[in-house]
Amino acid sequence: MGRMRKKADLPEKTCLVCDRPFTWRKKWEKVWDEVKYCSDRCRREARTKVLHRP
């Protein structure tokens, strides 16, 4: 079993859509390098921006 980490010690990224910082989550453990968005809402907005690009 792994060591517990303090929240302040968790890795952090900036969302590509809203530019807000977000921290690592257990469910992203195996795909952390691929995570780009802080939420499903930002992920959807990113897709709509690409689809509706002039």
Protein backbone atom coordinates (compact mmCIF):
# COMPACT_ATOMS: atom_id res chain seq x y z
CA MET A 1 0.00 0.00 0.00
CA GLY A 2 1.29 3.46 -0.92
CA ARG A 3 2.01 6.37 1.36
CA MET A 4 -0.63 9.01 1.91
CA ARG A 5 0.17 12.40 0.38
CA LYS A 6 -0.90 15.77 1.62
CA LYS A 7 -3.17 17.73 -0.73
CA ALA A 8 -0.55 20.44 -1.01
CA ASP A 9 1.95 17.87 -2.34
CA LEU A 10 -0.26 16.62 -5.20
CA PRO A 11 0.68 17.52 -8.79
CA GLU A 12 -1.22 20.36 -10.41
CA LYS A 13 -2.11 21.37 -13.98
CA THR A 14 -3.92 24.26 -15.63
CA CYS A 15 -7.11 23.58 -17.59
CA LEU A 16 -6.77 24.39 -21.30
CA VAL A 17 -10.30 25.84 -21.49
CA CYS A 18 -10.87 27.83 -18.30
CA ASP A 19 -7.21 28.39 -17.26
CA ARG A 20 -7.96 27.35 -13.70
CA PRO A 21 -5.56 25.12 -11.77
CA PHE A 22 -6.68 21.61 -10.86
CA THR A 23 -4.98 18.90 -8.85
CA TRP A 24 -4.35 15.22 -9.36
CA ARG A 25 -7.17 12.81 -8.57
CA LYS A 26 -6.98 9.12 -7.79
CA LYS A 27 -9.17 8.25 -10.80
CA TRP A 28 -6.60 9.97 -13.07
CA GLU A 29 -3.70 7.98 -11.60
CA LYS A 30 -2.97 5.94 -14.75
CA VAL A 31 -3.75 8.66 -17.30
CA TRP A 32 -2.47 11.83 -15.57
CA ASP A 33 -0.20 12.68 -18.53
CA GLU A 34 -3.24 12.67 -20.85
CA VAL A 35 -5.54 14.80 -18.65
CA LYS A 36 -6.06 18.26 -20.14
CA TYR A 37 -9.33 19.53 -18.69
CA CYS A 38 -10.52 20.06 -15.13
CA SER A 39 -14.08 18.86 -15.72
CA ASP A 40 -16.49 17.25 -18.17
CA ARG A 41 -17.92 20.70 -18.86
CA CYS A 42 -14.54 22.04 -20.01
CA ARG A 43 -13.96 18.92 -22.09
CA ARG A 44 -17.32 19.44 -23.84
CA GLU A 45 -16.62 23.13 -24.41
CA ALA A 46 -13.27 22.29 -25.98
CA ARG A 47 -14.99 19.91 -28.41
CA THR A 48 -17.63 22.47 -29.38
CA LYS A 49 -14.99 25.14 -29.97
CA VAL A 50 -13.16 22.79 -32.36
CA LEU A 51 -16.36 21.76 -34.16
CA HIS A 52 -17.64 25.32 -34.57
CA ARG A 53 -14.38 26.91 -35.61
CA PRO A 54 -14.91 29.35 -38.56
